[in-house]
Every structure is written in C-alpha cells, then in structure tokens.
Amino acid sequence: MALWFFVVLILLSASFVLYLSFGPLRKAPNVGSLRLIAGVQYFAALLLAAARLFGKA
C-alpha cells in the first residue's frame, strides 16, 4: 500500500513540474531540464508500478 502511495506522489510531482514547464516557466532558459526531470519521474513511477505488478517489489 505504501508503494502505491509513493507512486502517486511521484506522479503528482512530475505532473506539477510538467505543468510549470508548459505554464508559468515556459520562457525560462532551463525549461528543457525541467521537462527532463518530469520525464525521469514518470519513468521512475512506471518502473515502481511495474515492479509491484510483477511481484518484484
């Protein structure tokens, strides 16, 4: 149960960073880095969810 909660927190964090990169911070010089961070967070959430579903976590 705690792992699913952690996955949801990661997804919320990544979504917020992505929202910022397409919203208020879209003209910032490091917007590509923000989008990369969001992508890494989405990948980590996917990896954790897949590990849980396949019984490896």
N, C-alpha and C. Protein backbone atom coordinates (compact mmCIF):
# COMPACT_ATOMS: atom_id res chain seq x y z
N MET A 1 0.82 -1.19 0.00
CA MET A 1 0.00 0.00 0.00
C MET A 1 0.87 1.26 0.00
N ALA A 2 1.93 1.24 0.76
CA ALA A 2 2.81 2.41 0.84
C ALA A 2 3.49 2.67 -0.50
N LEU A 3 3.79 1.61 -1.25
CA LEU A 3 4.43 1.79 -2.55
C LEU A 3 3.50 2.51 -3.52
N TRP A 4 2.23 2.15 -3.49
CA TRP A 4 1.27 2.83 -4.37
C TRP A 4 1.13 4.30 -4.01
N PHE A 5 1.16 4.59 -2.72
CA PHE A 5 1.10 5.97 -2.26
C PHE A 5 2.32 6.74 -2.78
N PHE A 6 3.48 6.11 -2.71
CA PHE A 6 4.71 6.72 -3.20
C PHE A 6 4.66 6.95 -4.71
N VAL A 7 4.10 6.00 -5.44
CA VAL A 7 3.96 6.15 -6.89
C VAL A 7 3.04 7.33 -7.21
N VAL A 8 1.96 7.46 -6.47
CA VAL A 8 1.04 8.58 -6.69
C VAL A 8 1.74 9.90 -6.38
N LEU A 9 2.53 9.95 -5.33
CA LEU A 9 3.27 11.17 -5.01
C LEU A 9 4.25 11.54 -6.12
N ILE A 10 4.93 10.54 -6.67
CA ILE A 10 5.87 10.79 -7.77
C ILE A 10 5.11 11.32 -8.99
N LEU A 11 3.96 10.72 -9.29
CA LEU A 11 3.18 11.17 -10.44
C LEU A 11 2.67 12.60 -10.25
N LEU A 12 2.24 12.93 -9.05
CA LEU A 12 1.80 14.30 -8.77
C LEU A 12 2.95 15.29 -8.91
N SER A 13 4.11 14.92 -8.41
CA SER A 13 5.27 15.79 -8.52
C SER A 13 5.66 16.01 -9.98
N ALA A 14 5.71 14.93 -10.75
CA ALA A 14 6.07 15.04 -12.16
C ALA A 14 5.05 15.87 -12.93
N SER A 15 3.78 15.69 -12.62
CA SER A 15 2.74 16.46 -13.29
C SER A 15 2.85 17.94 -12.96
N PHE A 16 3.18 18.25 -11.72
CA PHE A 16 3.34 19.65 -11.33
C PHE A 16 4.54 20.29 -12.03
N VAL A 17 5.64 19.57 -12.10
CA VAL A 17 6.83 20.08 -12.80
C VAL A 17 6.52 20.28 -14.28
N LEU A 18 5.80 19.33 -14.87
CA LEU A 18 5.43 19.46 -16.28
C LEU A 18 4.48 20.64 -16.49
N TYR A 19 3.54 20.82 -15.58
CA TYR A 19 2.64 21.98 -15.65
C TYR A 19 3.43 23.29 -15.60
N LEU A 20 4.40 23.34 -14.70
CA LEU A 20 5.21 24.56 -14.60
C LEU A 20 6.01 24.80 -15.87
N SER A 21 6.52 23.73 -16.47
CA SER A 21 7.36 23.90 -17.66
C SER A 21 6.55 24.32 -18.89
N PHE A 22 5.27 24.00 -18.92
CA PHE A 22 4.43 24.44 -20.04
C PHE A 22 3.61 25.67 -19.68
N GLY A 23 3.62 26.06 -18.42
CA GLY A 23 2.85 27.21 -17.97
C GLY A 23 3.73 28.39 -17.62
N PRO A 24 3.80 28.70 -16.33
CA PRO A 24 4.49 29.91 -15.90
C PRO A 24 5.99 29.96 -16.24
N LEU A 25 6.64 28.83 -16.35
CA LEU A 25 8.09 28.83 -16.58
C LEU A 25 8.47 28.47 -18.02
N ARG A 26 7.54 28.57 -18.96
CA ARG A 26 7.83 28.11 -20.32
C ARG A 26 8.90 28.95 -21.02
N LYS A 27 9.14 30.15 -20.56
CA LYS A 27 10.17 31.00 -21.18
C LYS A 27 11.48 30.98 -20.42
N ALA A 28 11.56 30.15 -19.40
CA ALA A 28 12.80 30.04 -18.62
C ALA A 28 13.87 29.36 -19.48
N PRO A 29 15.12 29.73 -19.28
CA PRO A 29 16.19 29.14 -20.09
C PRO A 29 16.42 27.65 -19.81
N ASN A 30 16.02 27.17 -18.66
CA ASN A 30 16.26 25.77 -18.31
C ASN A 30 14.99 24.93 -18.38
N VAL A 31 14.05 25.29 -19.24
CA VAL A 31 12.79 24.57 -19.33
C VAL A 31 13.01 23.13 -19.81
N GLY A 32 14.02 22.91 -20.63
CA GLY A 32 14.33 21.56 -21.08
C GLY A 32 14.75 20.66 -19.93
N SER A 33 15.48 21.21 -19.00
CA SER A 33 15.89 20.44 -17.82
C SER A 33 14.69 20.08 -16.95
N LEU A 34 13.75 21.00 -16.83
CA LEU A 34 12.54 20.71 -16.04
C LEU A 34 11.74 19.58 -16.68
N ARG A 35 11.63 19.62 -17.99
CA ARG A 35 10.89 18.56 -18.68
C ARG A 35 11.62 17.22 -18.58
N LEU A 36 12.94 17.26 -18.60
CA LEU A 36 13.71 16.04 -18.42
C LEU A 36 13.50 15.46 -17.02
N ILE A 37 13.48 16.31 -16.02
CA ILE A 37 13.23 15.86 -14.64
C ILE A 37 11.85 15.22 -14.54
N ALA A 38 10.85 15.84 -15.15
CA ALA A 38 9.50 15.27 -15.14
C ALA A 38 9.48 13.91 -15.84
N GLY A 39 10.19 13.80 -16.94
CA GLY A 39 10.25 12.52 -17.65
C GLY A 39 10.90 11.43 -16.82
N VAL A 40 11.96 11.77 -16.11
CA VAL A 40 12.64 10.80 -15.25
C VAL A 40 11.70 10.38 -14.11
N GLN A 41 10.94 11.33 -13.58
CA GLN A 41 10.00 10.99 -12.51
C GLN A 41 8.90 10.06 -13.03
N TYR A 42 8.38 10.34 -14.22
CA TYR A 42 7.37 9.45 -14.80
C TYR A 42 7.94 8.05 -15.02
N PHE A 43 9.17 7.98 -15.50
CA PHE A 43 9.80 6.68 -15.72
C PHE A 43 9.98 5.93 -14.40
N ALA A 44 10.38 6.64 -13.34
CA ALA A 44 10.56 6.00 -12.03
C ALA A 44 9.23 5.48 -11.51
N ALA A 45 8.16 6.25 -11.68
CA ALA A 45 6.84 5.80 -11.23
C ALA A 45 6.40 4.57 -12.02
N LEU A 46 6.65 4.58 -13.32
CA LEU A 46 6.30 3.43 -14.16
C LEU A 46 7.09 2.20 -13.75
N LEU A 47 8.36 2.39 -13.48
CA LEU A 47 9.22 1.28 -13.07
C LEU A 47 8.76 0.69 -11.74
N LEU A 48 8.44 1.54 -10.77
CA LEU A 48 7.96 1.06 -9.48
C LEU A 48 6.62 0.33 -9.61
N ALA A 49 5.71 0.88 -10.40
CA ALA A 49 4.41 0.25 -10.58
C ALA A 49 4.55 -1.10 -11.28
N ALA A 50 5.41 -1.16 -12.28
CA ALA A 50 5.62 -2.42 -13.00
C ALA A 50 6.26 -3.47 -12.08
N ALA A 51 7.21 -3.05 -11.27
CA ALA A 51 7.84 -3.98 -10.34
C ALA A 51 6.82 -4.53 -9.34
N ARG A 52 5.94 -3.66 -8.90
CA ARG A 52 4.92 -4.09 -7.94
C ARG A 52 3.94 -5.05 -8.60
N LEU A 53 3.53 -4.75 -9.82
CA LEU A 53 2.57 -5.61 -10.51
C LEU A 53 3.15 -6.97 -10.86
N PHE A 54 4.43 -7.03 -11.14
CA PHE A 54 5.06 -8.30 -11.48
C PHE A 54 5.65 -9.02 -10.27
N GLY A 55 5.41 -8.48 -9.08
CA GLY A 55 5.82 -9.16 -7.86
C GLY A 55 7.29 -9.02 -7.51
N LYS A 56 7.97 -8.05 -8.07
CA LYS A 56 9.40 -7.87 -7.77
C LYS A 56 9.64 -6.84 -6.68
N ALA A 57 8.57 -6.20 -6.20
CA ALA A 57 8.73 -5.20 -5.14
C ALA A 57 7.73 -5.45 -4.04
